[in-house]
Amino acid sequence: MKRLYRAMICDAGNGSYDKLKKMTVWQECGFEPAGRISDIKELKKICASRGAELIVCFNRPPLINAETVITAVKSACADTVCIAASPRDDYENMRKCFIAGAIDYLTEPISESRLKEALARAAEQIGSSFMTGEYTLALQEYIDSIKCTDEKFLTRLSDFLMGCENITVTTEYAADHFGFNKDYFGRMFKQKTGQTFGDFYKRFRMIYAEKLLSSGRYKVYEVSGLLGFSSVDYFTTVFKKVTGHTPSELKR
């Protein structure tokens, strides 16, 4: 089962939370309401420990100021997604919340359709942020494992691949970036790393795929699509050849 993102509701009372948690759109959008909280210090601890990916904060002055809460949450964990809510339209508060880092602003009474829109936007941002983090981690781990004494070359290679998260890199593309023709780049790369660029890049992508699959957030077909494979069967074949097991075996 795909793991649901955790959402904390920051509010001064249980009324809004009790209404919101009954709405079915949470699971539809990949979330679960994890509880209500009003203590900002405790909320910061939860966010810092990655105990919640989403905060829905109700503006209840003087008890709770949504702008202050969002600012505090972002200082504890910049990746935490925040949605602000208010019992009425309040342009000035809305403006401050967006500046603080909110991605949406809901006005009570909150309908399921309006909540669904906000949650869909939140899920997209959380997924993108998570993938970037796993991509960076996979790249760092793999670059560190390469036996190459040319640190400058490895740094250039790492910087290059960091800018290629959302594309599929070919040897020609890499060679052009480094300012060489394909053949010279291929020989140089193998001399420095002991493997062809194609093999290097294939192994890196499978390390990245392993991290995405191990997180429990993505199904095999989703990872296949995210990495740009033409079919799940082809992705499975490459994955097993590189890692020694199938994606399904890893998820089990």
Protein backbone atom coordinates (compact mmCIF):
# COMPACT_ATOMS: atom_id res chain seq x y z
CA MET A 1 0.00 0.00 0.00
CA LYS A 2 1.24 3.44 -0.91
CA ARG A 3 2.19 5.44 2.18
CA LEU A 4 -0.04 8.44 2.82
CA TYR A 5 1.40 11.87 3.52
CA ARG A 6 0.75 13.07 7.08
CA ALA A 7 -1.19 16.31 7.62
CA MET A 8 -1.39 18.22 10.90
CA ILE A 9 -4.19 20.71 11.50
CA CYS A 10 -3.09 23.76 13.50
CA ASP A 11 -6.15 25.22 15.19
CA ALA A 12 -7.29 26.46 18.58
CA GLY A 13 -10.24 24.04 18.85
CA ASN A 14 -11.45 20.67 17.56
CA GLY A 15 -14.43 21.98 15.57
CA SER A 16 -12.71 22.51 12.22
CA TYR A 17 -10.52 19.44 12.61
CA ASP A 18 -13.49 17.17 13.32
CA LYS A 19 -15.22 18.41 10.16
CA LEU A 20 -12.14 18.22 7.96
CA LYS A 21 -11.00 14.73 8.99
CA LYS A 22 -14.38 13.27 7.94
CA MET A 23 -13.90 14.41 4.35
CA THR A 24 -12.98 11.61 1.94
CA VAL A 25 -10.73 13.75 -0.24
CA TRP A 26 -7.77 13.28 2.12
CA GLN A 27 -7.05 9.72 1.05
CA GLU A 28 -8.05 10.45 -2.53
CA CYS A 29 -5.19 12.98 -2.66
CA GLY A 30 -2.75 10.77 -0.75
CA PHE A 31 -3.05 12.27 2.75
CA GLU A 32 -4.16 11.28 6.21
CA PRO A 33 -5.13 13.81 8.92
CA ALA A 34 -2.66 12.99 11.70
CA GLY A 35 -4.10 15.20 14.42
CA ARG A 36 -4.77 18.71 15.67
CA ILE A 37 -2.20 20.90 17.39
CA SER A 38 -2.07 24.46 18.71
CA ASP A 39 1.40 24.57 20.30
CA ILE A 40 3.84 26.16 17.82
CA LYS A 41 6.95 24.80 19.56
CA GLU A 42 5.61 21.26 19.42
CA LEU A 43 4.56 21.74 15.80
CA LYS A 44 8.09 22.86 14.90
CA LYS A 45 9.48 19.68 16.51
CA ILE A 46 7.08 17.54 14.51
CA CYS A 47 8.05 19.23 11.25
CA ALA A 48 11.79 19.14 12.02
CA SER A 49 11.57 15.38 12.58
CA ARG A 50 9.56 14.97 9.35
CA GLY A 51 6.53 13.85 11.34
CA ALA A 52 4.23 15.72 8.98
CA GLU A 53 4.55 16.76 5.36
CA LEU A 54 1.59 19.15 5.35
CA ILE A 55 0.33 21.76 7.82
CA VAL A 56 -3.14 23.28 7.49
CA CYS A 57 -3.14 26.34 9.74
CA PHE A 58 -6.26 28.26 10.75
CA ASN A 59 -5.85 31.92 11.47
CA ARG A 60 -7.43 32.43 14.93
CA PRO A 61 -6.08 35.68 16.39
CA PRO A 62 -5.08 36.25 19.08
CA LEU A 63 -4.68 32.51 19.84
CA ILE A 64 -3.13 31.48 16.53
CA ASN A 65 -1.63 33.71 13.84
CA ALA A 66 -1.30 31.73 10.61
CA GLU A 67 1.55 33.86 9.26
CA THR A 68 3.57 33.32 12.47
CA VAL A 69 2.92 29.58 12.42
CA ILE A 70 3.89 29.18 8.77
CA THR A 71 7.07 31.17 9.29
CA ALA A 72 7.97 28.97 12.28
CA VAL A 73 7.21 25.76 10.39
CA LYS A 74 9.31 26.80 7.40
CA SER A 75 12.23 27.67 9.69
CA ALA A 76 12.04 24.16 11.19
CA CYS A 77 11.71 22.35 7.85
CA ALA A 78 11.65 24.30 4.62
CA ASP A 79 10.15 21.33 2.74
CA THR A 80 6.98 21.25 4.85
CA VAL A 81 4.03 22.38 2.76
CA CYS A 82 1.63 24.85 4.37
CA ILE A 83 -1.97 25.75 3.63
CA ALA A 84 -3.56 28.69 5.46
CA ALA A 85 -7.23 28.91 6.39
CA SER A 86 -9.44 31.66 7.78
CA PRO A 87 -13.07 32.11 8.84
CA ARG A 88 -13.38 35.02 6.39
CA ASP A 89 -11.73 36.63 3.39
CA ASP A 90 -8.80 38.64 4.69
CA TYR A 91 -6.61 39.98 1.90
CA GLU A 92 -3.87 41.32 4.16
CA ASN A 93 -3.55 38.08 6.11
CA MET A 94 -3.67 36.11 2.87
CA ARG A 95 -0.84 38.19 1.44
CA LYS A 96 1.29 37.68 4.54
CA CYS A 97 0.67 33.93 4.55
CA PHE A 98 1.71 33.58 0.92
CA ILE A 99 4.87 35.59 1.59
CA ALA A 100 5.60 33.32 4.56
CA GLY A 101 5.36 30.28 2.29
CA ALA A 102 1.74 29.08 2.11
CA ILE A 103 0.74 27.44 -1.19
CA ASP A 104 -3.00 28.06 -0.78
CA TYR A 105 -5.51 29.99 1.33
CA LEU A 106 -8.88 28.48 2.26
CA THR A 107 -11.90 30.35 3.57
CA GLU A 108 -14.46 28.72 5.85
CA PRO A 109 -16.75 26.93 5.41
CA ILE A 110 -14.29 24.73 3.51
CA SER A 111 -15.92 22.55 0.87
CA GLU A 112 -14.57 19.13 -0.13
CA SER A 113 -13.98 20.35 -3.69
CA ARG A 114 -11.95 23.35 -2.51
CA LEU A 115 -9.96 21.19 -0.07
CA LYS A 116 -9.30 18.70 -2.85
CA GLU A 117 -7.81 21.43 -5.04
CA ALA A 118 -5.48 22.52 -2.24
CA LEU A 119 -4.46 18.95 -1.35
CA ALA A 120 -3.73 18.08 -4.97
CA ARG A 121 -1.41 21.09 -5.20
CA ALA A 122 0.22 20.12 -1.90
CA ALA A 123 0.74 16.50 -2.98
CA GLU A 124 2.42 17.61 -6.20
CA GLN A 125 4.82 19.90 -4.34
CA ILE A 126 5.62 17.32 -1.65
CA GLY A 127 6.29 14.65 -4.25
CA SER A 128 8.55 16.95 -6.25
CA SER A 129 10.51 17.99 -3.16
CA PHE A 130 10.87 14.40 -1.99
CA MET A 131 12.09 13.21 -5.37
CA THR A 132 14.69 15.98 -5.56
CA GLY A 133 15.97 15.02 -2.11
CA GLU A 134 16.24 11.33 -3.03
CA TYR A 135 17.85 12.20 -6.36
CA THR A 136 20.47 14.33 -4.60
CA LEU A 137 21.14 11.61 -2.01
CA ALA A 138 21.46 8.88 -4.64
CA LEU A 139 23.85 11.03 -6.67
CA GLN A 140 26.03 11.88 -3.68
CA GLU A 141 26.25 8.24 -2.60
CA TYR A 142 27.11 7.03 -6.08
CA ILE A 143 29.67 9.74 -6.82
CA ASP A 144 31.35 8.96 -3.47
CA SER A 145 31.59 5.29 -4.46
CA ILE A 146 33.39 6.00 -7.75
CA LYS A 147 37.09 5.22 -7.64
CA CYS A 148 38.54 8.25 -9.36
CA THR A 149 41.44 10.40 -8.24
CA ASP A 150 40.34 13.39 -10.32
CA GLU A 151 38.23 15.27 -7.76
CA LYS A 152 37.69 18.20 -10.11
CA PHE A 153 36.21 15.88 -12.72
CA LEU A 154 33.90 14.24 -10.16
CA THR A 155 32.72 17.65 -8.97
CA ARG A 156 31.95 18.71 -12.54
CA LEU A 157 30.17 15.40 -13.14
CA SER A 158 28.09 15.79 -9.98
CA ASP A 159 27.17 19.40 -10.79
CA PHE A 160 26.20 18.36 -14.32
CA LEU A 161 23.91 15.55 -13.18
CA MET A 162 22.31 17.72 -10.48
CA GLY A 163 20.95 19.84 -13.30
CA CYS A 164 19.60 16.81 -15.16
CA GLU A 165 17.04 15.49 -12.68
CA ASN A 166 14.09 15.82 -15.04
CA ILE A 167 15.71 14.62 -18.26
CA THR A 168 17.26 11.39 -19.55
CA VAL A 169 20.93 11.99 -20.25
CA THR A 170 22.71 10.47 -23.25
CA THR A 171 26.45 10.11 -23.76
CA GLU A 172 26.23 12.69 -26.54
CA TYR A 173 24.52 15.16 -24.24
CA ALA A 174 27.12 14.67 -21.51
CA ALA A 175 29.98 14.95 -24.00
CA ASP A 176 28.59 18.21 -25.33
CA HIS A 177 28.31 19.60 -21.79
CA PHE A 178 31.96 18.77 -21.11
CA GLY A 179 33.01 20.25 -24.47
CA PHE A 180 34.24 17.03 -26.14
CA ASN A 181 33.09 14.87 -29.00
CA LYS A 182 31.32 11.64 -28.07
CA ASP A 183 34.23 9.28 -28.76
CA TYR A 184 36.84 11.28 -26.85
CA PHE A 185 34.48 11.80 -23.92
CA GLY A 186 33.70 8.08 -23.83
CA ARG A 187 37.37 7.12 -23.69
CA MET A 188 38.17 9.78 -21.09
CA PHE A 189 35.24 8.80 -18.91
CA LYS A 190 36.14 5.11 -18.91
CA GLN A 191 39.78 5.91 -18.21
CA LYS A 192 38.83 7.99 -15.18
CA THR A 193 36.03 5.80 -13.75
CA GLY A 194 36.62 2.30 -15.14
CA GLN A 195 33.20 2.18 -16.80
CA THR A 196 31.40 3.67 -19.75
CA PHE A 197 29.20 6.68 -19.21
CA GLY A 198 26.20 4.62 -20.28
CA ASP A 199 26.83 1.98 -17.60
CA PHE A 200 27.57 4.66 -15.00
CA TYR A 201 24.35 6.52 -15.72
CA LYS A 202 22.28 3.34 -15.81
CA ARG A 203 23.55 2.26 -12.36
CA PHE A 204 22.93 5.72 -10.93
CA ARG A 205 19.34 5.75 -12.15
CA MET A 206 18.68 2.33 -10.64
CA ILE A 207 20.08 3.51 -7.29
CA TYR A 208 17.67 6.43 -7.52
CA ALA A 209 14.84 4.06 -8.47
CA GLU A 210 15.64 1.89 -5.44
CA LYS A 211 15.29 4.86 -3.12
CA LEU A 212 11.94 5.87 -4.61
CA LEU A 213 10.59 2.33 -4.40
CA SER A 214 11.91 1.75 -0.87
CA SER A 215 10.13 4.89 0.35
CA GLY A 216 6.75 3.24 -0.16
CA ARG A 217 5.45 6.40 -1.84
CA TYR A 218 5.51 5.11 -5.40
CA LYS A 219 4.34 2.07 -7.29
CA VAL A 220 6.59 0.32 -9.81
CA TYR A 221 4.78 1.76 -12.82
CA GLU A 222 5.03 5.26 -11.32
CA VAL A 223 8.81 5.01 -10.88
CA SER A 224 9.12 3.59 -14.38
CA GLY A 225 7.26 6.59 -15.76
CA LEU A 226 9.11 9.11 -13.60
CA LEU A 227 12.44 7.82 -14.92
CA GLY A 228 11.25 8.01 -18.51
CA PHE A 229 11.15 4.31 -19.39
CA SER A 230 9.01 3.34 -22.37
CA SER A 231 7.43 0.42 -20.50
CA VAL A 232 7.32 -1.16 -17.05
CA ASP A 233 8.69 -4.41 -18.51
CA TYR A 234 11.77 -2.66 -19.85
CA PHE A 235 12.29 -0.84 -16.55
CA THR A 236 11.99 -4.15 -14.67
CA THR A 237 14.54 -5.78 -16.97
CA VAL A 238 17.09 -3.00 -16.50
CA PHE A 239 16.44 -2.80 -12.76
CA LYS A 240 16.97 -6.55 -12.24
CA LYS A 241 20.10 -6.59 -14.42
CA VAL A 242 21.69 -3.80 -12.35
CA THR A 243 20.45 -4.65 -8.85
CA GLY A 244 19.95 -8.42 -9.01
CA HIS A 245 16.27 -8.28 -8.02
CA THR A 246 13.02 -7.03 -9.50
CA PRO A 247 11.30 -3.82 -8.37
CA SER A 248 8.41 -5.88 -6.97
CA GLU A 249 10.80 -7.99 -4.88
CA LEU A 250 12.27 -4.80 -3.41
CA LYS A 251 8.86 -3.43 -2.47
CA ARG A 252 7.97 -6.70 -0.70
